[in-house]
Amino acid sequence: MTDVNVETEPPVGHVKMVYLGPVAPHWEIRSDFGDRDAIDGFRTRVNARLVLLPPHDPQFRRNRERVNRDAERENFMIEWDLGYDEES
């Protein structure tokens, strides 16, 4: 059972996933604020999930959802810059 009145804690960090293009490495993970060790650990896990995956690869969608869940679990704000506007 979940308590609807429970306040969510403010994010402990921010990460921005930036697609660099078709030449590897495809991704850069930037951070504006947060604990450097936590961000570096997250960066390592994310790089393992996204290495050599461009956004048009079918595996990317599954791994993106995993990265989003990891960010939520770590209480990070996550932002994706794929180089184009995504449909809502």
N, C-alpha and C. Protein backbone atom coordinates (compact mmCIF):
# COMPACT_ATOMS: atom_id res chain seq x y z
N MET A 1 0.84 -1.18 0.00
CA MET A 1 0.00 0.00 0.00
C MET A 1 0.89 1.24 0.00
N THR A 2 0.54 2.22 -0.79
CA THR A 2 1.33 3.44 -0.83
C THR A 2 0.52 4.59 -0.26
N ASP A 3 1.19 5.50 0.41
CA ASP A 3 0.56 6.67 0.99
C ASP A 3 0.63 7.80 -0.03
N VAL A 4 -0.51 8.26 -0.50
CA VAL A 4 -0.57 9.28 -1.53
C VAL A 4 -0.04 10.61 -1.00
N ASN A 5 -0.11 10.83 0.29
CA ASN A 5 0.28 12.10 0.89
C ASN A 5 1.78 12.20 1.16
N VAL A 6 2.54 11.17 0.87
CA VAL A 6 3.97 11.19 1.10
C VAL A 6 4.61 12.15 0.10
N GLU A 7 5.39 13.10 0.61
CA GLU A 7 6.06 14.04 -0.27
C GLU A 7 7.26 13.37 -0.91
N THR A 8 7.49 13.68 -2.16
CA THR A 8 8.68 13.16 -2.82
C THR A 8 9.86 14.05 -2.46
N GLU A 9 10.98 13.42 -2.30
CA GLU A 9 12.18 14.16 -1.95
C GLU A 9 12.71 14.90 -3.17
N PRO A 10 13.35 16.03 -2.97
CA PRO A 10 13.93 16.73 -4.13
C PRO A 10 15.04 15.88 -4.74
N PRO A 11 15.27 16.02 -6.03
CA PRO A 11 16.31 15.21 -6.68
C PRO A 11 17.68 15.50 -6.06
N VAL A 12 18.49 14.45 -6.01
CA VAL A 12 19.84 14.58 -5.44
C VAL A 12 20.88 14.86 -6.51
N GLY A 13 20.47 14.86 -7.76
CA GLY A 13 21.40 15.13 -8.85
C GLY A 13 20.66 15.26 -10.17
N HIS A 14 21.37 15.73 -11.16
CA HIS A 14 20.81 15.89 -12.50
C HIS A 14 21.79 15.32 -13.50
N VAL A 15 21.27 14.52 -14.43
CA VAL A 15 22.11 14.00 -15.51
C VAL A 15 21.42 14.28 -16.84
N LYS A 16 22.23 14.59 -17.82
CA LYS A 16 21.72 14.83 -19.17
C LYS A 16 22.43 13.87 -20.11
N MET A 17 21.64 13.06 -20.79
CA MET A 17 22.16 12.09 -21.73
C MET A 17 22.17 12.75 -23.11
N VAL A 18 23.35 12.91 -23.71
CA VAL A 18 23.48 13.62 -24.97
C VAL A 18 23.99 12.65 -26.04
N TYR A 19 23.21 12.54 -27.11
CA TYR A 19 23.62 11.71 -28.25
C TYR A 19 24.62 12.51 -29.07
N LEU A 20 25.82 11.95 -29.27
CA LEU A 20 26.90 12.65 -29.97
C LEU A 20 26.92 12.40 -31.47
N GLY A 21 26.18 11.42 -31.92
CA GLY A 21 26.14 11.13 -33.35
C GLY A 21 26.53 9.69 -33.65
N PRO A 22 26.63 9.37 -34.94
CA PRO A 22 26.84 7.99 -35.35
C PRO A 22 28.24 7.43 -35.09
N VAL A 23 29.19 8.27 -34.77
CA VAL A 23 30.54 7.78 -34.51
C VAL A 23 30.70 7.53 -33.02
N ALA A 24 31.18 6.35 -32.66
CA ALA A 24 31.35 5.99 -31.25
C ALA A 24 32.44 6.83 -30.61
N PRO A 25 32.35 7.20 -29.35
CA PRO A 25 31.22 6.85 -28.48
C PRO A 25 29.99 7.68 -28.82
N HIS A 26 28.83 7.05 -28.73
CA HIS A 26 27.60 7.70 -29.11
C HIS A 26 27.06 8.65 -28.05
N TRP A 27 27.44 8.44 -26.79
CA TRP A 27 26.79 9.13 -25.68
C TRP A 27 27.78 9.89 -24.80
N GLU A 28 27.29 11.02 -24.30
CA GLU A 28 28.01 11.77 -23.27
C GLU A 28 27.02 11.99 -22.14
N ILE A 29 27.44 11.75 -20.92
CA ILE A 29 26.60 11.94 -19.75
C ILE A 29 27.11 13.15 -18.99
N ARG A 30 26.30 14.20 -18.97
CA ARG A 30 26.67 15.44 -18.31
C ARG A 30 25.89 15.57 -17.01
N SER A 31 26.46 16.30 -16.07
CA SER A 31 25.79 16.52 -14.79
C SER A 31 25.96 17.96 -14.34
N ASP A 32 24.86 18.56 -13.88
CA ASP A 32 24.88 19.93 -13.38
C ASP A 32 25.13 19.98 -11.88
N PHE A 33 24.54 19.04 -11.15
CA PHE A 33 24.72 19.03 -9.71
C PHE A 33 24.52 17.61 -9.19
N GLY A 34 24.99 17.38 -7.99
CA GLY A 34 24.85 16.07 -7.35
C GLY A 34 26.18 15.56 -6.86
N ASP A 35 26.13 14.52 -6.05
CA ASP A 35 27.32 13.89 -5.50
C ASP A 35 28.14 13.28 -6.63
N ARG A 36 29.38 13.71 -6.77
CA ARG A 36 30.23 13.27 -7.88
C ARG A 36 30.39 11.75 -7.90
N ASP A 37 30.57 11.11 -6.75
CA ASP A 37 30.74 9.66 -6.72
C ASP A 37 29.47 8.94 -7.19
N ALA A 38 28.31 9.44 -6.76
CA ALA A 38 27.05 8.82 -7.18
C ALA A 38 26.84 9.02 -8.68
N ILE A 39 27.14 10.20 -9.18
CA ILE A 39 27.00 10.48 -10.61
C ILE A 39 27.97 9.61 -11.42
N ASP A 40 29.20 9.48 -10.95
CA ASP A 40 30.19 8.65 -11.66
C ASP A 40 29.75 7.19 -11.69
N GLY A 41 29.20 6.68 -10.60
CA GLY A 41 28.70 5.31 -10.57
C GLY A 41 27.55 5.12 -11.55
N PHE A 42 26.65 6.10 -11.58
CA PHE A 42 25.53 6.07 -12.52
C PHE A 42 26.05 6.12 -13.95
N ARG A 43 27.01 6.99 -14.21
CA ARG A 43 27.60 7.13 -15.54
C ARG A 43 28.20 5.80 -16.01
N THR A 44 28.88 5.11 -15.13
CA THR A 44 29.48 3.81 -15.47
C THR A 44 28.41 2.80 -15.86
N ARG A 45 27.33 2.73 -15.08
CA ARG A 45 26.25 1.78 -15.38
C ARG A 45 25.55 2.15 -16.69
N VAL A 46 25.32 3.44 -16.90
CA VAL A 46 24.63 3.89 -18.12
C VAL A 46 25.50 3.61 -19.35
N ASN A 47 26.78 3.89 -19.26
CA ASN A 47 27.66 3.62 -20.40
C ASN A 47 27.64 2.14 -20.76
N ALA A 48 27.55 1.26 -19.77
CA ALA A 48 27.48 -0.17 -20.05
C ALA A 48 26.19 -0.52 -20.79
N ARG A 49 25.11 0.17 -20.49
CA ARG A 49 23.82 -0.10 -21.15
C ARG A 49 23.74 0.49 -22.55
N LEU A 50 24.39 1.63 -22.77
CA LEU A 50 24.20 2.34 -24.03
C LEU A 50 25.38 2.28 -24.99
N VAL A 51 26.49 1.65 -24.59
CA VAL A 51 27.66 1.62 -25.45
C VAL A 51 27.28 1.08 -26.84
N LEU A 52 27.67 1.81 -27.85
CA LEU A 52 27.45 1.46 -29.25
C LEU A 52 25.99 1.38 -29.67
N LEU A 53 25.07 1.94 -28.87
CA LEU A 53 23.65 1.94 -29.24
C LEU A 53 23.20 3.33 -29.69
N PRO A 54 22.96 3.53 -30.96
CA PRO A 54 22.38 4.79 -31.40
C PRO A 54 20.88 4.78 -31.09
N PRO A 55 20.23 5.95 -31.05
CA PRO A 55 18.82 6.02 -30.68
C PRO A 55 17.86 5.27 -31.60
N HIS A 56 18.26 5.00 -32.85
CA HIS A 56 17.37 4.29 -33.76
C HIS A 56 17.46 2.76 -33.63
N ASP A 57 18.37 2.27 -32.80
CA ASP A 57 18.51 0.83 -32.58
C ASP A 57 17.35 0.34 -31.71
N PRO A 58 16.70 -0.78 -32.07
CA PRO A 58 15.58 -1.29 -31.26
C PRO A 58 15.96 -1.56 -29.79
N GLN A 59 17.17 -1.97 -29.54
CA GLN A 59 17.61 -2.23 -28.16
C GLN A 59 17.67 -0.94 -27.34
N PHE A 60 17.86 0.19 -28.01
CA PHE A 60 17.96 1.46 -27.31
C PHE A 60 16.72 1.76 -26.48
N ARG A 61 15.54 1.54 -27.03
CA ARG A 61 14.29 1.83 -26.31
C ARG A 61 14.22 1.06 -24.99
N ARG A 62 14.56 -0.22 -25.02
CA ARG A 62 14.53 -1.03 -23.79
C ARG A 62 15.57 -0.52 -22.79
N ASN A 63 16.76 -0.25 -23.29
CA ASN A 63 17.82 0.20 -22.38
C ASN A 63 17.54 1.61 -21.86
N ARG A 64 16.91 2.44 -22.67
CA ARG A 64 16.56 3.79 -22.20
C ARG A 64 15.61 3.69 -21.00
N GLU A 65 14.63 2.80 -21.09
CA GLU A 65 13.70 2.62 -19.96
C GLU A 65 14.44 2.13 -18.72
N ARG A 66 15.40 1.26 -18.90
CA ARG A 66 16.20 0.80 -17.75
C ARG A 66 16.99 1.94 -17.14
N VAL A 67 17.58 2.78 -17.99
CA VAL A 67 18.33 3.94 -17.50
C VAL A 67 17.40 4.89 -16.75
N ASN A 68 16.20 5.11 -17.28
CA ASN A 68 15.23 5.97 -16.60
C ASN A 68 14.85 5.41 -15.23
N ARG A 69 14.64 4.10 -15.15
CA ARG A 69 14.32 3.48 -13.85
C ARG A 69 15.49 3.59 -12.88
N ASP A 70 16.71 3.40 -13.39
CA ASP A 70 17.90 3.56 -12.54
C ASP A 70 17.98 4.99 -12.00
N ALA A 71 17.72 5.98 -12.85
CA ALA A 71 17.76 7.38 -12.42
C ALA A 71 16.68 7.64 -11.37
N GLU A 72 15.51 7.09 -11.58
CA GLU A 72 14.42 7.27 -10.61
C GLU A 72 14.79 6.64 -9.26
N ARG A 73 15.37 5.46 -9.32
CA ARG A 73 15.77 4.76 -8.09
C ARG A 73 16.84 5.56 -7.34
N GLU A 74 17.76 6.20 -8.08
CA GLU A 74 18.83 7.00 -7.46
C GLU A 74 18.37 8.41 -7.10
N ASN A 75 17.14 8.75 -7.51
CA ASN A 75 16.55 10.07 -7.29
C ASN A 75 17.31 11.16 -8.05
N PHE A 76 17.66 10.84 -9.31
CA PHE A 76 18.28 11.80 -10.21
C PHE A 76 17.23 12.31 -11.20
N MET A 77 17.30 13.59 -11.53
CA MET A 77 16.53 14.10 -12.66
C MET A 77 17.30 13.66 -13.90
N ILE A 78 16.59 13.19 -14.89
CA ILE A 78 17.26 12.77 -16.11
C ILE A 78 16.64 13.48 -17.31
N GLU A 79 17.50 13.85 -18.22
CA GLU A 79 17.09 14.57 -19.42
C GLU A 79 17.79 13.91 -20.60
N TRP A 80 17.09 13.77 -21.70
CA TRP A 80 17.64 13.15 -22.90
C TRP A 80 17.72 14.18 -24.02
N ASP A 81 18.87 14.26 -24.67
CA ASP A 81 19.05 15.11 -25.84
C ASP A 81 19.50 14.19 -26.97
N LEU A 82 18.54 13.81 -27.81
CA LEU A 82 18.83 12.88 -28.90
C LEU A 82 19.17 13.59 -30.19
N GLY A 83 19.20 14.91 -30.15
CA GLY A 83 19.55 15.67 -31.35
C GLY A 83 18.37 15.99 -32.24
N TYR A 84 17.17 15.62 -31.78
CA TYR A 84 15.95 15.92 -32.53
C TYR A 84 14.79 15.99 -31.54
N ASP A 85 13.70 16.62 -31.96
CA ASP A 85 12.51 16.70 -31.11
C ASP A 85 11.81 15.36 -31.10
N GLU A 86 11.51 14.88 -29.91
CA GLU A 86 10.80 13.61 -29.80
C GLU A 86 9.30 13.87 -29.80
N GLU A 87 8.55 12.93 -30.35
CA GLU A 87 7.10 13.04 -30.33
C GLU A 87 6.61 12.74 -28.93
N SER A 88 5.57 13.45 -28.52
CA SER A 88 5.00 13.24 -27.18
C SER A 88 4.01 12.11 -27.19
